Amino acid sequence: MNISSQLEYQVKRYIQTRSFSLDGTLKRELEAIHKEYGFGKVNLGCSTCLRSAMQRICKVYQEIPKEKPKLHFVGVKQKTMKELRAEAKEKGITVPFGCKKSELIELLK
């Protein structure tokens, strides 16, 4: 569905508040989209016809799946204190009692 940003705004507004405001250009665009989906012609001078057309377009608009942006996060596995102590032991580094993880990482560098 190729819909302009102005008409899309009015469709969203109609979904939320059940009101919309269309100028002549947007009415013609609404009619074209209405025809495109096989609903037929719209009497542009009749507010009831426009409201009915807007209702149909809103139903179609809501059924279109919206793509949500995907966040790709690659985490880095951190070593546990037990693994860090074992690594220090392999390197022959004595670990002082009560040593914090950040201090132990500095000792291993």
Protein backbone atom coordinates (compact mmCIF):
# COMPACT_ATOMS: atom_id res chain seq x y z
CA MET A 1 0.00 0.00 0.00
CA ASN A 2 1.62 3.25 -1.15
CA ILE A 3 0.25 5.84 1.21
CA SER A 4 1.52 9.37 1.71
CA SER A 5 2.74 10.46 5.12
CA GLN A 6 -0.15 12.94 5.43
CA LEU A 7 -2.81 10.29 4.79
CA GLU A 8 -0.97 7.81 7.03
CA TYR A 9 -1.07 10.43 9.80
CA GLN A 10 -4.84 10.84 9.30
CA VAL A 11 -5.32 7.04 9.33
CA LYS A 12 -3.42 6.76 12.62
CA ARG A 13 -5.38 9.71 13.98
CA TYR A 14 -8.65 8.03 12.97
CA ILE A 15 -7.60 4.78 14.66
CA GLN A 16 -6.85 6.61 17.92
CA THR A 17 -9.51 9.33 18.05
CA ARG A 18 -12.11 8.39 15.41
CA SER A 19 -11.68 11.77 13.74
CA PHE A 20 -9.82 12.84 10.61
CA SER A 21 -9.44 15.83 8.35
CA LEU A 22 -8.88 15.48 4.61
CA ASP A 23 -8.36 18.11 1.97
CA GLY A 24 -9.17 17.46 -1.69
CA THR A 25 -5.81 15.84 -2.44
CA LEU A 26 -6.07 13.43 0.48
CA LYS A 27 -9.68 12.60 -0.43
CA ARG A 28 -8.58 11.61 -3.94
CA GLU A 29 -5.70 9.57 -2.54
CA LEU A 30 -8.10 7.84 -0.14
CA GLU A 31 -10.40 7.04 -3.05
CA ALA A 32 -7.49 5.65 -5.12
CA ILE A 33 -6.36 3.38 -2.29
CA HIS A 34 -9.98 2.38 -1.65
CA LYS A 35 -10.30 1.33 -5.31
CA GLU A 36 -6.90 -0.39 -5.23
CA TYR A 37 -8.13 -2.73 -2.51
CA GLY A 38 -11.30 -3.51 -4.43
CA PHE A 39 -13.75 -1.62 -2.25
CA GLY A 40 -15.07 0.47 -5.13
CA LYS A 41 -15.62 4.16 -5.75
CA VAL A 42 -16.02 6.79 -3.01
CA ASN A 43 -18.37 9.78 -3.19
CA LEU A 44 -15.90 12.53 -2.25
CA GLY A 45 -18.68 14.97 -1.38
CA CYS A 46 -20.33 12.67 1.16
CA SER A 47 -18.86 12.66 4.67
CA THR A 48 -20.49 9.31 5.49
CA CYS A 49 -18.90 7.72 2.42
CA LEU A 50 -15.50 9.16 3.36
CA ARG A 51 -15.85 7.87 6.93
CA SER A 52 -16.78 4.40 5.66
CA ALA A 53 -13.82 4.41 3.29
CA MET A 54 -11.52 5.51 6.11
CA GLN A 55 -12.82 2.65 8.29
CA ARG A 56 -12.06 0.11 5.57
CA ILE A 57 -8.60 1.53 4.94
CA CYS A 58 -7.87 1.49 8.69
CA LYS A 59 -8.73 -2.22 8.87
CA VAL A 60 -6.36 -2.95 5.98
CA TYR A 61 -3.68 -0.67 7.49
CA GLN A 62 -3.83 -2.43 10.86
CA GLU A 63 -3.44 -5.86 9.25
CA ILE A 64 -0.18 -4.90 7.54
CA PRO A 65 2.66 -6.23 9.73
CA LYS A 66 4.94 -3.47 10.93
CA GLU A 67 8.63 -4.28 11.02
CA LYS A 68 10.19 -3.53 14.35
CA PRO A 69 13.83 -2.56 14.38
CA LYS A 70 15.99 -5.43 15.51
CA LEU A 71 18.81 -4.81 17.91
CA HIS A 72 21.79 -7.06 17.46
CA PHE A 73 23.83 -7.39 20.61
CA VAL A 74 26.90 -9.53 20.79
CA GLY A 75 27.87 -10.04 24.39
CA VAL A 76 31.36 -10.83 25.57
CA LYS A 77 31.54 -13.63 28.11
CA GLN A 78 33.45 -12.51 31.14
CA LYS A 79 35.60 -14.82 33.20
CA THR A 80 34.59 -15.71 36.71
CA MET A 81 36.80 -15.14 39.75
CA LYS A 82 37.49 -18.87 39.85
CA GLU A 83 38.72 -18.83 36.23
CA LEU A 84 40.83 -15.73 36.86
CA ARG A 85 42.44 -17.28 39.95
CA ALA A 86 43.23 -20.44 37.96
CA GLU A 87 44.79 -18.34 35.20
CA ALA A 88 46.87 -16.44 37.78
CA LYS A 89 48.03 -19.73 39.31
CA GLU A 90 49.11 -21.00 35.86
CA LYS A 91 51.18 -17.85 35.34
CA GLY A 92 52.69 -18.15 38.81
CA ILE A 93 51.10 -14.97 40.15
CA THR A 94 50.13 -14.99 43.82
CA VAL A 95 46.69 -13.49 44.38
CA PRO A 96 46.41 -11.45 47.60
CA PHE A 97 43.54 -12.24 49.98
CA GLY A 98 40.45 -10.07 49.38
CA CYS A 99 41.57 -9.12 45.86
CA LYS A 100 38.76 -7.65 43.76
CA LYS A 101 37.99 -8.88 40.26
CA SER A 102 39.15 -5.64 38.62
CA GLU A 103 42.45 -5.81 40.58
CA LEU A 104 42.95 -9.43 39.56
CA ILE A 105 42.40 -8.53 35.89
CA GLU A 106 45.05 -5.80 36.22
CA LEU A 107 47.49 -8.30 37.78
CA LEU A 108 47.02 -10.66 34.83
CA LYS A 109 47.80 -8.02 32.21
